[in-house]
Amino acid sequence: MTKMIELLDSAIDAHGGLARWREIRTVAAELSIAGGLWGVKGHAGILADVGYEAQAHAQRATLLRFGAPDRKVQFTPDRLELQEASGQFIEARDNPRSDFIGHRAETPWDLLHVGYFSCYALWTYLTQPFLYASPGFICEEIEPWHENGETWRRLKVVFSDSIASHTREQITYFGADGLMRRHDYTVEVLGGSNAAHYIDSYQDFDGFKYPTRRRVYRRADDGRPMPEPLLVGIDVRALRFS
């Protein structure tokens, strides 16, 4: 397990506690995902009404109603399968990350590109900040950040090589209450685009405090968000842990 530093420890406690998280095996969400990214990639509206079911401690997930009520995606970092809702095979891609080599922000995506990106990103978001206490993660508190009249503590996290995510090094910002406020990263599969990802509208779910609203913008070189256009907007309608 990663060495628990004070900021990570307090953040995990604020979101529900590590002991409670270790009891959880699965997380399921009902979501609406929009924003300009999907139109640029040729798939506007594909994630407007989706379900997502994942293992909490292993990177395996299913994205339901993927562009159609009778279609789903089965995800692991090494293989992606597009299936009918019944489980009947449609198509698959092994080593899906390699299919993004040479992509830029404006490069069109096929369905499996969208499925891979969505599945790994949602898994990261729905396991934060507990994920950071997993084996192979390295965490370090860095200088605080001042925004909107608040001071946010920041945690630099180097992800384990075994986890598919935007990039290995990411930064999460925490408010005085220990809850996440912002998440910064570079999106490798978008050709290295820098993102500022805002997190708010917390609710209580099964003993956890979780955000129900996320908004992602481009990030300028000075760290400030570029308010237009909205790249990705995620709204959580329901969340269940078991």
Protein backbone atom coordinates (compact mmCIF):
# COMPACT_ATOMS: atom_id res chain seq x y z
CA MET A 1 0.00 0.00 0.00
CA THR A 2 1.13 3.54 -0.66
CA LYS A 3 2.55 5.41 2.32
CA MET A 4 -0.41 7.24 3.84
CA ILE A 5 0.36 10.94 4.21
CA GLU A 6 -1.78 13.26 6.29
CA LEU A 7 -3.61 14.93 3.38
CA LEU A 8 -4.57 11.62 1.79
CA ASP A 9 -5.61 10.18 5.12
CA SER A 10 -7.89 13.13 5.92
CA ALA A 11 -9.35 13.14 2.41
CA ILE A 12 -10.21 9.45 2.56
CA ASP A 13 -11.85 9.96 5.95
CA ALA A 14 -13.91 12.86 4.57
CA HIS A 15 -15.21 10.70 1.72
CA GLY A 16 -16.24 7.77 3.90
CA GLY A 17 -13.15 6.12 5.33
CA LEU A 18 -10.76 3.40 4.20
CA ALA A 19 -12.29 0.71 6.40
CA ARG A 20 -15.68 1.21 4.77
CA TRP A 21 -14.11 1.29 1.28
CA ARG A 22 -12.39 -2.04 1.86
CA GLU A 23 -15.79 -3.61 2.48
CA ILE A 24 -17.02 -2.54 -0.96
CA ARG A 25 -16.76 -4.87 -3.94
CA THR A 26 -18.75 -3.04 -6.65
CA VAL A 27 -19.89 0.47 -7.58
CA ALA A 28 -22.77 1.21 -9.94
CA ALA A 29 -23.84 4.58 -11.33
CA GLU A 30 -26.50 6.11 -13.54
CA LEU A 31 -25.05 9.05 -15.45
CA SER A 32 -25.56 11.69 -18.08
CA ILE A 33 -22.34 12.64 -19.88
CA ALA A 34 -22.21 15.54 -22.34
CA GLY A 35 -19.81 18.27 -23.50
CA GLY A 36 -18.09 19.34 -26.68
CA LEU A 37 -15.55 16.51 -26.79
CA TRP A 38 -18.06 13.96 -28.05
CA GLY A 39 -19.11 16.05 -31.05
CA VAL A 40 -15.49 16.69 -32.01
CA LYS A 41 -14.91 12.94 -31.92
CA GLY A 42 -17.98 12.28 -34.07
CA HIS A 43 -20.25 10.87 -31.36
CA ALA A 44 -22.40 13.67 -29.95
CA GLY A 45 -24.98 12.38 -27.48
CA ILE A 46 -23.57 8.85 -27.25
CA LEU A 47 -23.33 8.98 -23.44
CA ALA A 48 -26.43 11.03 -22.67
CA ASP A 49 -28.02 8.22 -20.63
CA VAL A 50 -25.70 5.43 -19.52
CA GLY A 51 -25.24 2.99 -16.68
CA TYR A 52 -21.84 1.98 -15.35
CA GLU A 53 -20.97 -1.02 -13.19
CA ALA A 54 -17.44 -1.67 -11.96
CA GLN A 55 -15.35 -3.59 -9.49
CA ALA A 56 -14.04 -1.32 -6.79
CA HIS A 57 -10.62 -2.91 -6.37
CA ALA A 58 -9.86 -4.21 -9.86
CA GLN A 59 -10.12 -2.31 -13.13
CA ARG A 60 -13.04 -4.17 -14.69
CA ALA A 61 -16.25 -2.43 -15.76
CA THR A 62 -19.35 -2.54 -17.92
CA LEU A 63 -20.76 0.53 -19.65
CA LEU A 64 -24.47 0.01 -20.28
CA ARG A 65 -26.76 1.63 -22.90
CA PHE A 66 -23.69 2.63 -24.88
CA GLY A 67 -25.19 4.72 -27.67
CA ALA A 68 -28.24 2.43 -27.81
CA PRO A 69 -30.41 0.72 -25.18
CA ASP A 70 -29.35 -2.74 -26.36
CA ARG A 71 -25.58 -2.20 -26.49
CA LYS A 72 -22.85 -2.35 -23.85
CA VAL A 73 -19.07 -2.32 -23.44
CA GLN A 74 -17.04 -4.74 -21.32
CA PHE A 75 -13.76 -3.15 -20.22
CA THR A 76 -10.40 -4.20 -18.83
CA PRO A 77 -7.16 -2.31 -19.54
CA ASP A 78 -6.05 -5.07 -21.93
CA ARG A 79 -9.28 -5.78 -23.81
CA LEU A 80 -12.48 -4.04 -24.80
CA GLU A 81 -15.58 -5.81 -26.09
CA LEU A 82 -18.64 -4.26 -27.66
CA GLN A 83 -21.65 -6.48 -27.04
CA GLU A 84 -25.39 -6.59 -27.35
CA ALA A 85 -27.20 -6.23 -24.03
CA SER A 86 -27.71 -10.02 -24.07
CA GLY A 87 -23.93 -10.50 -24.12
CA GLN A 88 -23.73 -11.44 -27.79
CA PHE A 89 -20.38 -10.40 -29.24
CA ILE A 90 -20.20 -7.52 -31.75
CA GLU A 91 -16.51 -6.58 -31.91
CA ALA A 92 -13.43 -6.32 -29.69
CA ARG A 93 -10.03 -4.68 -29.41
CA ASP A 94 -7.02 -6.08 -27.59
CA ASN A 95 -4.47 -3.66 -26.10
CA PRO A 96 -6.89 -0.78 -26.79
CA ARG A 97 -4.51 1.93 -25.55
CA SER A 98 -2.16 1.29 -28.46
CA ASP A 99 -4.88 2.28 -30.93
CA PHE A 100 -4.59 5.92 -29.79
CA ILE A 101 -0.95 6.29 -30.87
CA GLY A 102 -0.62 9.40 -33.02
CA HIS A 103 -4.02 10.79 -32.04
CA ARG A 104 -4.58 14.50 -31.57
CA ALA A 105 -7.47 16.33 -29.91
CA GLU A 106 -9.36 16.55 -33.22
CA THR A 107 -8.76 12.94 -34.35
CA PRO A 108 -12.11 11.18 -34.92
CA TRP A 109 -12.88 8.16 -32.73
CA ASP A 110 -14.69 4.93 -33.45
CA LEU A 111 -17.02 3.29 -30.94
CA LEU A 112 -14.24 1.34 -29.25
CA HIS A 113 -12.16 4.48 -28.75
CA VAL A 114 -15.13 6.13 -27.01
CA GLY A 115 -15.78 3.01 -24.93
CA TYR A 116 -12.20 2.66 -23.74
CA PHE A 117 -11.80 6.32 -22.81
CA SER A 118 -15.14 6.46 -21.01
CA CYS A 119 -14.61 3.25 -19.07
CA TYR A 120 -11.14 3.98 -17.73
CA ALA A 121 -12.00 7.60 -16.92
CA LEU A 122 -15.17 6.73 -15.00
CA TRP A 123 -13.34 4.04 -13.07
CA THR A 124 -10.74 6.58 -11.95
CA TYR A 125 -13.38 9.12 -10.94
CA LEU A 126 -15.61 6.68 -9.04
CA THR A 127 -12.73 5.25 -7.01
CA GLN A 128 -11.11 8.57 -6.04
CA PRO A 129 -9.63 9.33 -3.55
CA PHE A 130 -9.55 5.76 -2.16
CA LEU A 131 -7.68 4.61 -5.26
CA TYR A 132 -4.67 6.63 -4.18
CA ALA A 133 -4.09 4.31 -1.21
CA SER A 134 -3.67 1.29 -3.52
CA PRO A 135 -0.39 -0.59 -4.05
CA GLY A 136 1.95 1.01 -6.55
CA PHE A 137 0.67 4.58 -6.09
CA ILE A 138 3.03 7.35 -4.94
CA CYS A 139 1.54 10.43 -3.27
CA GLU A 140 3.08 13.75 -2.28
CA GLU A 141 1.49 16.94 -0.98
CA ILE A 142 2.61 19.94 -3.02
CA GLU A 143 2.10 23.70 -2.62
CA PRO A 144 -1.50 24.87 -2.10
CA TRP A 145 -3.63 26.57 -4.74
CA HIS A 146 -5.78 29.69 -4.31
CA GLU A 147 -9.01 29.94 -6.32
CA ASN A 148 -12.42 31.59 -5.86
CA GLY A 149 -11.42 32.96 -2.46
CA GLU A 150 -10.46 29.50 -1.16
CA THR A 151 -7.19 27.75 -0.48
CA TRP A 152 -7.07 24.15 -1.70
CA ARG A 153 -4.45 21.64 -0.62
CA ARG A 154 -3.01 19.63 -3.48
CA LEU A 155 -1.94 16.00 -3.75
CA LYS A 156 0.34 14.91 -6.57
CA VAL A 157 -0.32 11.26 -7.38
CA VAL A 158 1.81 8.98 -9.54
CA PHE A 159 -0.43 6.14 -10.67
CA SER A 160 0.54 2.50 -10.70
CA ASP A 161 1.66 1.19 -14.09
CA SER A 162 -1.10 -1.42 -13.87
CA ILE A 163 -3.91 1.17 -13.98
CA ALA A 164 -5.26 2.66 -17.21
CA SER A 165 -5.91 6.37 -16.71
CA HIS A 166 -5.33 9.72 -18.40
CA THR A 167 -1.64 9.85 -17.50
CA ARG A 168 0.56 8.53 -14.73
CA GLU A 169 1.01 11.84 -12.85
CA GLN A 170 -2.16 13.65 -11.76
CA ILE A 171 -3.01 16.31 -9.16
CA THR A 172 -6.12 16.42 -6.97
CA TYR A 173 -7.18 19.53 -5.02
CA PHE A 174 -8.99 19.33 -1.67
CA GLY A 175 -11.01 21.93 0.23
CA ALA A 176 -10.86 22.64 3.95
CA ASP A 177 -13.49 19.93 4.49
CA GLY A 178 -11.23 17.29 2.89
CA LEU A 179 -13.46 16.85 -0.16
CA MET A 180 -12.18 16.97 -3.73
CA ARG A 181 -12.60 20.27 -5.56
CA ARG A 182 -10.53 19.82 -8.71
CA HIS A 183 -8.50 17.21 -10.57
CA ASP A 184 -5.74 18.10 -13.07
CA TYR A 185 -4.21 15.79 -15.64
CA THR A 186 -2.87 15.50 -19.16
CA VAL A 187 -4.99 13.33 -21.47
CA GLU A 188 -2.53 11.16 -23.37
CA VAL A 189 -5.16 9.66 -25.67
CA LEU A 190 -6.06 13.21 -26.79
CA GLY A 191 -2.50 13.94 -27.84
CA GLY A 192 -1.48 15.46 -24.51
CA SER A 193 -4.31 17.93 -23.88
CA ASN A 194 -4.23 19.50 -20.40
CA ALA A 195 -7.43 19.40 -18.37
CA ALA A 196 -8.83 21.13 -15.29
CA HIS A 197 -11.65 18.97 -13.94
CA TYR A 198 -13.99 20.55 -11.36
CA ILE A 199 -15.83 18.45 -8.79
CA ASP A 200 -18.84 19.50 -6.69
CA SER A 201 -22.46 18.87 -5.59
CA TYR A 202 -21.70 16.18 -3.02
CA GLN A 203 -24.33 13.79 -1.71
CA ASP A 204 -24.35 10.85 0.68
CA PHE A 205 -24.50 7.36 -0.88
CA ASP A 206 -24.30 4.16 1.16
CA GLY A 207 -22.04 5.74 3.76
CA PHE A 208 -19.85 7.61 1.26
CA LYS A 209 -19.79 11.29 0.35
CA TYR A 210 -19.52 11.56 -3.43
CA PRO A 211 -19.75 14.35 -6.03
CA THR A 212 -22.65 14.31 -8.47
CA ARG A 213 -21.39 17.01 -10.80
CA ARG A 214 -18.11 17.17 -12.76
CA ARG A 215 -17.06 19.72 -15.38
CA VAL A 216 -13.88 19.46 -17.45
CA TYR A 217 -12.18 22.37 -19.22
CA ARG A 218 -8.89 22.95 -20.97
CA ARG A 219 -6.10 24.06 -18.64
CA ALA A 220 -3.84 26.97 -19.54
CA ASP A 221 -0.08 26.93 -18.98
CA ASP A 222 -0.50 28.99 -15.78
CA GLY A 223 -2.89 26.37 -14.35
CA ARG A 224 -6.03 28.42 -14.85
CA PRO A 225 -9.06 26.83 -16.50
CA MET A 226 -10.24 28.03 -19.92
CA PRO A 227 -14.01 28.36 -19.29
CA GLU A 228 -15.04 27.80 -22.91
CA PRO A 229 -15.71 25.34 -24.31
CA LEU A 230 -16.94 22.79 -21.81
CA LEU A 231 -15.16 19.59 -22.85
CA VAL A 232 -16.97 17.06 -20.66
CA GLY A 233 -19.85 17.36 -18.22
CA ILE A 234 -20.79 14.43 -15.98
CA ASP A 235 -23.96 14.37 -13.89
CA VAL A 236 -24.59 11.43 -11.55
CA ARG A 237 -28.25 10.59 -11.08
CA ALA A 238 -27.76 7.56 -8.83
CA LEU A 239 -24.84 5.78 -7.19
CA ARG A 240 -24.77 2.44 -5.39
CA PHE A 241 -22.04 0.59 -3.51
CA SER A 242 -22.24 -3.09 -2.59
